Amino acid sequence: MFKKIGVLLIFLLVLVAMLVFTRLNPGLLKIDLAFAAVETSIPVAFTLTFIAGWAFGILCGAIFVVRLINERRQLRRSLRLSETEVSSLRSLPISDAD
């Protein structure tokens, strides 16, 4: 519950900051993309940059999570093999070393 409230507060804080930034910077910005030149407002440019950064962060986080899931799968497989080996060794009769 507190996590949801925290996420909501952060979202509202970012939204308010973007609205204030939009009101304070109504100018235009020319961006040269090497293959085209685009003229847009400063808030739109910063919003798109923010969204691109957010998407890149999500992508990096997803890659990290996929690696963790793969490692977990390998560890579970190794654990299963070790458990079967231990159970098969426990079922063997104990022989004396005479």
N, C-alpha and C. Protein backbone atom coordinates (compact mmCIF):
# COMPACT_ATOMS: atom_id res chain seq x y z
N MET A 1 0.81 -1.18 0.00
CA MET A 1 0.00 0.00 0.00
C MET A 1 0.86 1.25 0.00
N PHE A 2 1.90 1.27 0.86
CA PHE A 2 2.78 2.44 0.92
C PHE A 2 3.57 2.59 -0.38
N LYS A 3 3.87 1.47 -1.01
CA LYS A 3 4.60 1.52 -2.28
C LYS A 3 3.75 2.20 -3.35
N LYS A 4 2.46 1.85 -3.40
CA LYS A 4 1.56 2.47 -4.37
C LYS A 4 1.42 3.97 -4.11
N ILE A 5 1.33 4.34 -2.86
CA ILE A 5 1.23 5.76 -2.51
C ILE A 5 2.51 6.49 -2.89
N GLY A 6 3.66 5.87 -2.65
CA GLY A 6 4.94 6.47 -3.02
C GLY A 6 5.07 6.66 -4.52
N VAL A 7 4.68 5.65 -5.29
CA VAL A 7 4.74 5.75 -6.75
C VAL A 7 3.80 6.83 -7.24
N LEU A 8 2.61 6.90 -6.67
CA LEU A 8 1.65 7.93 -7.05
C LEU A 8 2.18 9.32 -6.73
N LEU A 9 2.79 9.49 -5.56
CA LEU A 9 3.36 10.79 -5.20
C LEU A 9 4.50 11.19 -6.12
N ILE A 10 5.35 10.26 -6.47
CA ILE A 10 6.46 10.56 -7.39
C ILE A 10 5.90 10.93 -8.76
N PHE A 11 4.89 10.20 -9.23
CA PHE A 11 4.27 10.51 -10.52
C PHE A 11 3.66 11.91 -10.50
N LEU A 12 2.94 12.24 -9.43
CA LEU A 12 2.34 13.57 -9.32
C LEU A 12 3.41 14.66 -9.24
N LEU A 13 4.50 14.40 -8.54
CA LEU A 13 5.58 15.36 -8.44
C LEU A 13 6.21 15.62 -9.80
N VAL A 14 6.45 14.58 -10.57
CA VAL A 14 7.01 14.74 -11.92
C VAL A 14 6.02 15.48 -12.81
N LEU A 15 4.75 15.16 -12.71
CA LEU A 15 3.73 15.83 -13.50
C LEU A 15 3.67 17.32 -13.18
N VAL A 16 3.69 17.66 -11.91
CA VAL A 16 3.67 19.08 -11.51
C VAL A 16 4.94 19.78 -11.98
N ALA A 17 6.08 19.13 -11.86
CA ALA A 17 7.33 19.73 -12.33
C ALA A 17 7.28 19.97 -13.84
N MET A 18 6.74 19.03 -14.58
CA MET A 18 6.62 19.21 -16.03
C MET A 18 5.67 20.36 -16.37
N LEU A 19 4.56 20.48 -15.64
CA LEU A 19 3.63 21.57 -15.89
C LEU A 19 4.25 22.93 -15.59
N VAL A 20 4.98 23.02 -14.48
CA VAL A 20 5.67 24.27 -14.14
C VAL A 20 6.72 24.59 -15.19
N PHE A 21 7.47 23.60 -15.61
CA PHE A 21 8.50 23.80 -16.63
C PHE A 21 7.87 24.27 -17.94
N THR A 22 6.72 23.71 -18.27
CA THR A 22 6.02 24.10 -19.50
C THR A 22 5.59 25.56 -19.44
N ARG A 23 5.08 25.99 -18.30
CA ARG A 23 4.63 27.38 -18.16
C ARG A 23 5.80 28.36 -18.20
N LEU A 24 6.95 27.95 -17.68
CA LEU A 24 8.09 28.87 -17.59
C LEU A 24 8.91 28.93 -18.87
N ASN A 25 8.78 27.95 -19.77
CA ASN A 25 9.59 27.88 -20.99
C ASN A 25 8.71 27.68 -22.22
N PRO A 26 8.09 28.75 -22.70
CA PRO A 26 7.20 28.59 -23.86
C PRO A 26 7.91 28.68 -25.21
N GLY A 27 9.24 28.81 -25.23
CA GLY A 27 9.99 29.04 -26.47
C GLY A 27 10.08 27.81 -27.36
N LEU A 28 10.61 28.05 -28.56
CA LEU A 28 10.82 26.98 -29.53
C LEU A 28 12.28 26.56 -29.55
N LEU A 29 12.51 25.33 -29.99
CA LEU A 29 13.85 24.75 -30.02
C LEU A 29 14.03 24.06 -31.37
N LYS A 30 15.15 24.33 -32.02
CA LYS A 30 15.44 23.68 -33.29
C LYS A 30 16.44 22.55 -33.03
N ILE A 31 16.06 21.35 -33.45
CA ILE A 31 16.89 20.17 -33.23
C ILE A 31 17.31 19.62 -34.59
N ASP A 32 18.63 19.46 -34.78
CA ASP A 32 19.15 18.91 -36.02
C ASP A 32 19.49 17.45 -35.78
N LEU A 33 18.79 16.55 -36.46
CA LEU A 33 18.97 15.11 -36.27
C LEU A 33 19.88 14.48 -37.32
N ALA A 34 20.65 15.27 -38.04
CA ALA A 34 21.59 14.86 -39.07
C ALA A 34 20.89 14.48 -40.37
N PHE A 35 19.70 13.92 -40.31
CA PHE A 35 18.95 13.60 -41.52
C PHE A 35 17.72 14.48 -41.68
N ALA A 36 17.38 15.23 -40.62
CA ALA A 36 16.24 16.15 -40.69
C ALA A 36 16.39 17.17 -39.56
N ALA A 37 15.80 18.32 -39.76
CA ALA A 37 15.77 19.35 -38.73
C ALA A 37 14.33 19.49 -38.26
N VAL A 38 14.16 19.51 -36.94
CA VAL A 38 12.83 19.59 -36.34
C VAL A 38 12.78 20.81 -35.44
N GLU A 39 11.70 21.54 -35.53
CA GLU A 39 11.50 22.67 -34.63
C GLU A 39 10.31 22.35 -33.74
N THR A 40 10.53 22.35 -32.45
CA THR A 40 9.49 21.98 -31.50
C THR A 40 9.60 22.88 -30.27
N SER A 41 8.62 22.82 -29.41
CA SER A 41 8.68 23.61 -28.18
C SER A 41 9.62 22.93 -27.18
N ILE A 42 10.15 23.71 -26.30
CA ILE A 42 11.10 23.18 -25.30
C ILE A 42 10.44 22.11 -24.42
N PRO A 43 9.24 22.34 -23.90
CA PRO A 43 8.63 21.29 -23.07
C PRO A 43 8.41 19.97 -23.81
N VAL A 44 8.04 20.03 -25.08
CA VAL A 44 7.84 18.79 -25.84
C VAL A 44 9.17 18.06 -26.00
N ALA A 45 10.23 18.81 -26.28
CA ALA A 45 11.55 18.20 -26.43
C ALA A 45 11.99 17.53 -25.13
N PHE A 46 11.80 18.21 -24.01
CA PHE A 46 12.19 17.62 -22.72
C PHE A 46 11.29 16.45 -22.35
N THR A 47 10.00 16.52 -22.69
CA THR A 47 9.10 15.41 -22.40
C THR A 47 9.50 14.17 -23.19
N LEU A 48 9.80 14.36 -24.47
CA LEU A 48 10.24 13.22 -25.29
C LEU A 48 11.56 12.65 -24.79
N THR A 49 12.46 13.53 -24.37
CA THR A 49 13.73 13.06 -23.81
C THR A 49 13.50 12.28 -22.52
N PHE A 50 12.59 12.76 -21.69
CA PHE A 50 12.25 12.07 -20.44
C PHE A 50 11.67 10.69 -20.73
N ILE A 51 10.75 10.62 -21.71
CA ILE A 51 10.13 9.35 -22.06
C ILE A 51 11.16 8.38 -22.64
N ALA A 52 12.08 8.89 -23.47
CA ALA A 52 13.12 8.03 -24.03
C ALA A 52 14.04 7.50 -22.92
N GLY A 53 14.39 8.34 -21.97
CA GLY A 53 15.21 7.89 -20.84
C GLY A 53 14.49 6.86 -19.99
N TRP A 54 13.21 7.09 -19.77
CA TRP A 54 12.41 6.16 -18.99
C TRP A 54 12.35 4.80 -19.69
N ALA A 55 12.11 4.83 -21.00
CA ALA A 55 12.03 3.58 -21.77
C ALA A 55 13.37 2.84 -21.76
N PHE A 56 14.47 3.59 -21.87
CA PHE A 56 15.80 2.97 -21.81
C PHE A 56 16.04 2.33 -20.45
N GLY A 57 15.62 3.00 -19.38
CA GLY A 57 15.75 2.44 -18.04
C GLY A 57 14.94 1.17 -17.86
N ILE A 58 13.72 1.17 -18.40
CA ILE A 58 12.88 -0.03 -18.34
C ILE A 58 13.53 -1.18 -19.11
N LEU A 59 14.09 -0.87 -20.28
CA LEU A 59 14.76 -1.89 -21.09
C LEU A 59 15.95 -2.48 -20.35
N CYS A 60 16.77 -1.62 -19.75
CA CYS A 60 17.93 -2.11 -18.99
C CYS A 60 17.49 -2.96 -17.81
N GLY A 61 16.44 -2.52 -17.11
CA GLY A 61 15.92 -3.29 -15.99
C GLY A 61 15.37 -4.64 -16.44
N ALA A 62 14.72 -4.66 -17.59
CA ALA A 62 14.17 -5.92 -18.11
C ALA A 62 15.28 -6.89 -18.47
N ILE A 63 16.35 -6.38 -19.05
CA ILE A 63 17.49 -7.23 -19.39
C ILE A 63 18.08 -7.84 -18.11
N PHE A 64 18.21 -7.03 -17.06
CA PHE A 64 18.73 -7.51 -15.78
C PHE A 64 17.81 -8.59 -15.20
N VAL A 65 16.51 -8.37 -15.26
CA VAL A 65 15.55 -9.34 -14.72
C VAL A 65 15.60 -10.64 -15.51
N VAL A 66 15.72 -10.57 -16.83
CA VAL A 66 15.80 -11.78 -17.65
C VAL A 66 17.05 -12.57 -17.29
N ARG A 67 18.16 -11.87 -17.07
CA ARG A 67 19.38 -12.58 -16.66
C ARG A 67 19.20 -13.26 -15.31
N LEU A 68 18.54 -12.57 -14.36
CA LEU A 68 18.30 -13.19 -13.06
C LEU A 68 17.39 -14.41 -13.17
N ILE A 69 16.37 -14.33 -14.00
CA ILE A 69 15.46 -15.46 -14.19
C ILE A 69 16.21 -16.64 -14.80
N ASN A 70 17.09 -16.39 -15.76
CA ASN A 70 17.87 -17.45 -16.38
C ASN A 70 18.81 -18.09 -15.36
N GLU A 71 19.46 -17.25 -14.55
CA GLU A 71 20.36 -17.79 -13.52
C GLU A 71 19.58 -18.61 -12.50
N ARG A 72 18.39 -18.15 -12.14
CA ARG A 72 17.55 -18.88 -11.19
C ARG A 72 17.16 -20.24 -11.76
N ARG A 73 16.81 -20.28 -13.05
CA ARG A 73 16.44 -21.53 -13.69
C ARG A 73 17.62 -22.52 -13.66
N GLN A 74 18.82 -22.02 -13.96
CA GLN A 74 20.00 -22.89 -13.94
C GLN A 74 20.29 -23.39 -12.53
N LEU A 75 20.13 -22.54 -11.54
CA LEU A 75 20.38 -22.96 -10.16
C LEU A 75 19.35 -23.98 -9.70
N ARG A 76 18.09 -23.80 -10.10
CA ARG A 76 17.07 -24.80 -9.74
C ARG A 76 17.37 -26.15 -10.39
N ARG A 77 17.82 -26.13 -11.64
CA ARG A 77 18.17 -27.37 -12.33
C ARG A 77 19.34 -28.05 -11.61
N SER A 78 20.34 -27.28 -11.24
CA SER A 78 21.49 -27.82 -10.52
C SER A 78 21.08 -28.38 -9.16
N LEU A 79 20.18 -27.69 -8.49
CA LEU A 79 19.69 -28.17 -7.20
C LEU A 79 18.94 -29.47 -7.36
N ARG A 80 18.09 -29.56 -8.38
CA ARG A 80 17.35 -30.79 -8.63
C ARG A 80 18.29 -31.96 -8.88
N LEU A 81 19.33 -31.74 -9.69
CA LEU A 81 20.29 -32.81 -9.96
C LEU A 81 21.04 -33.22 -8.69
N SER A 82 21.41 -32.24 -7.88
CA SER A 82 22.11 -32.54 -6.63
C SER A 82 21.21 -33.31 -5.68
N GLU A 83 19.94 -32.93 -5.60
CA GLU A 83 19.02 -33.64 -4.71
C GLU A 83 18.80 -35.07 -5.16
N THR A 84 18.70 -35.31 -6.46
CA THR A 84 18.55 -36.69 -6.93
C THR A 84 19.81 -37.50 -6.67
N GLU A 85 20.97 -36.88 -6.80
CA GLU A 85 22.21 -37.58 -6.52
C GLU A 85 22.31 -37.93 -5.04
N VAL A 86 21.94 -37.00 -4.17
CA VAL A 86 21.99 -37.26 -2.73
C VAL A 86 21.01 -38.36 -2.36
N SER A 87 19.81 -38.33 -2.92
CA SER A 87 18.83 -39.37 -2.58
C SER A 87 19.28 -40.74 -3.10
N SER A 88 19.94 -40.77 -4.26
CA SER A 88 20.43 -42.06 -4.76
C SER A 88 21.60 -42.55 -3.90
N LEU A 89 22.44 -41.66 -3.42
CA LEU A 89 23.55 -42.07 -2.55
C LEU A 89 23.05 -42.53 -1.19
N ARG A 90 21.96 -41.95 -0.71
CA ARG A 90 21.41 -42.37 0.59
C ARG A 90 20.80 -43.77 0.49
N SER A 91 20.33 -44.13 -0.67
CA SER A 91 19.70 -45.44 -0.81
C SER A 91 20.71 -46.56 -0.96
N LEU A 92 21.99 -46.25 -1.20
CA LEU A 92 23.02 -47.28 -1.33
C LEU A 92 23.34 -47.84 0.05
N PRO A 93 23.62 -49.13 0.11
CA PRO A 93 23.99 -49.71 1.40
C PRO A 93 25.39 -49.26 1.82
N ILE A 94 25.54 -49.13 3.10
CA ILE A 94 26.84 -48.72 3.64
C ILE A 94 27.75 -49.95 3.63
N SER A 95 28.92 -49.82 3.04
CA SER A 95 29.87 -50.95 3.01
C SER A 95 31.04 -50.61 3.91
N ASP A 96 31.52 -51.63 4.62
CA ASP A 96 32.65 -51.45 5.52
C ASP A 96 33.94 -51.41 4.72
N ALA A 97 34.89 -50.70 5.22
CA ALA A 97 36.19 -50.58 4.55
C ALA A 97 37.19 -51.54 5.15
N ASP A 98 36.84 -52.81 5.34
CA ASP A 98 37.72 -53.81 5.96
C ASP A 98 38.83 -54.23 5.05
